[in-house]
Protein backbone atom coordinates (compact mmCIF):
# COMPACT_ATOMS: atom_id res chain seq x y z
CA UNK A 1 60.70 -27.61 -19.57
CA UNK A 2 59.52 -24.26 -20.96
CA UNK A 3 58.41 -20.99 -19.56
CA UNK A 4 61.23 -20.53 -16.97
CA UNK A 5 62.23 -16.89 -17.28
CA UNK A 6 64.53 -15.01 -14.95
CA UNK A 7 65.70 -11.45 -14.97
CA UNK A 8 69.43 -11.45 -14.80
CA UNK A 9 71.13 -8.50 -13.08
CA UNK A 10 74.37 -10.12 -11.99
CA UNK A 11 76.80 -12.97 -12.49
CA UNK A 12 75.03 -14.62 -9.60
CA UNK A 13 71.73 -14.52 -11.47
CA UNK A 14 73.19 -16.00 -14.57
CA UNK A 15 74.97 -18.69 -12.66
CA UNK A 16 71.82 -19.76 -10.80
CA UNK A 17 69.94 -19.99 -14.03
CA UNK A 18 72.59 -22.16 -15.61
CA UNK A 19 72.69 -24.45 -12.50
CA UNK A 20 68.90 -24.72 -12.40
CA UNK A 21 68.50 -25.63 -15.98
CA UNK A 22 71.56 -28.03 -16.09
CA UNK A 23 70.20 -29.90 -13.13
CA UNK A 24 66.63 -30.00 -14.50
CA UNK A 25 68.06 -31.59 -17.64
CA UNK A 26 69.98 -34.18 -15.66
CA UNK A 27 73.45 -33.06 -16.84
CA UNK A 28 76.40 -33.05 -14.49
CA UNK A 29 78.85 -30.26 -14.37
CA UNK A 30 81.54 -32.54 -15.84
CA UNK A 31 79.35 -33.52 -18.70
CA UNK A 32 78.42 -30.00 -19.59
CA UNK A 33 81.96 -28.79 -19.21
CA UNK A 34 83.20 -31.57 -21.48
CA UNK A 35 80.54 -30.80 -24.04
CA UNK A 36 81.56 -27.14 -24.12
CA UNK A 37 85.25 -27.70 -24.02
CA UNK A 38 85.69 -25.78 -20.81
CA UNK A 39 86.93 -26.90 -17.30
CA UNK A 40 84.45 -28.16 -14.64
CA UNK A 41 86.17 -25.57 -12.43
CA UNK A 42 85.21 -22.74 -14.70
CA UNK A 43 81.66 -23.97 -14.98
CA UNK A 44 81.48 -24.27 -11.11
CA UNK A 45 82.72 -20.70 -10.82
CA UNK A 46 80.05 -19.59 -13.37
CA UNK A 47 77.29 -21.41 -11.54
CA UNK A 48 78.46 -19.86 -8.24
CA UNK A 49 78.39 -16.36 -9.65
CA UNK A 50 82.08 -15.61 -9.52
CA UNK A 51 82.56 -12.37 -11.44
CA UNK A 52 85.07 -12.14 -14.09
CA UNK A 53 86.08 -9.26 -16.31
CA UNK A 54 83.78 -10.30 -19.21
CA UNK A 55 80.74 -10.59 -17.09
CA UNK A 56 81.37 -7.41 -15.27
CA UNK A 57 81.81 -5.45 -18.54
CA UNK A 58 78.69 -7.10 -20.04
CA UNK A 59 76.58 -5.87 -17.10
CA UNK A 60 78.11 -2.34 -17.31
CA UNK A 61 77.20 -2.20 -20.99
CA UNK A 62 73.71 -3.47 -20.39
CA UNK A 63 73.09 -1.14 -17.47
CA UNK A 64 74.44 1.91 -19.40
CA UNK A 65 72.14 1.18 -22.32
CA UNK A 66 69.24 0.25 -19.95
CA UNK A 67 68.92 -3.21 -21.47
CA UNK A 68 67.32 -5.88 -19.31
CA UNK A 69 68.74 -9.35 -19.78
CA UNK A 70 66.37 -12.28 -19.47
CA UNK A 71 67.19 -15.92 -19.64
CA UNK A 72 64.94 -18.51 -21.14
CA UNK A 73 64.99 -22.32 -20.64
CA UNK A 74 64.48 -23.45 -24.26
CA UNK A 75 64.26 -27.18 -23.50
């Protein structure tokens, strides 16, 4: 699956992109979390756009520098 781009302006945008690509690749949350060495709960929060300090700061830096983040499905 190629050519899926999305402008990311929030944690919710990033989470939605992660969820969409994970599902398209037929990977469960548990499998992806295990592969990454994170908890399924953390992955679920990420996919649901739960803000955390790191994501909030990332968007502050990007916004301040007028940088647009885009996500690409490389599969």
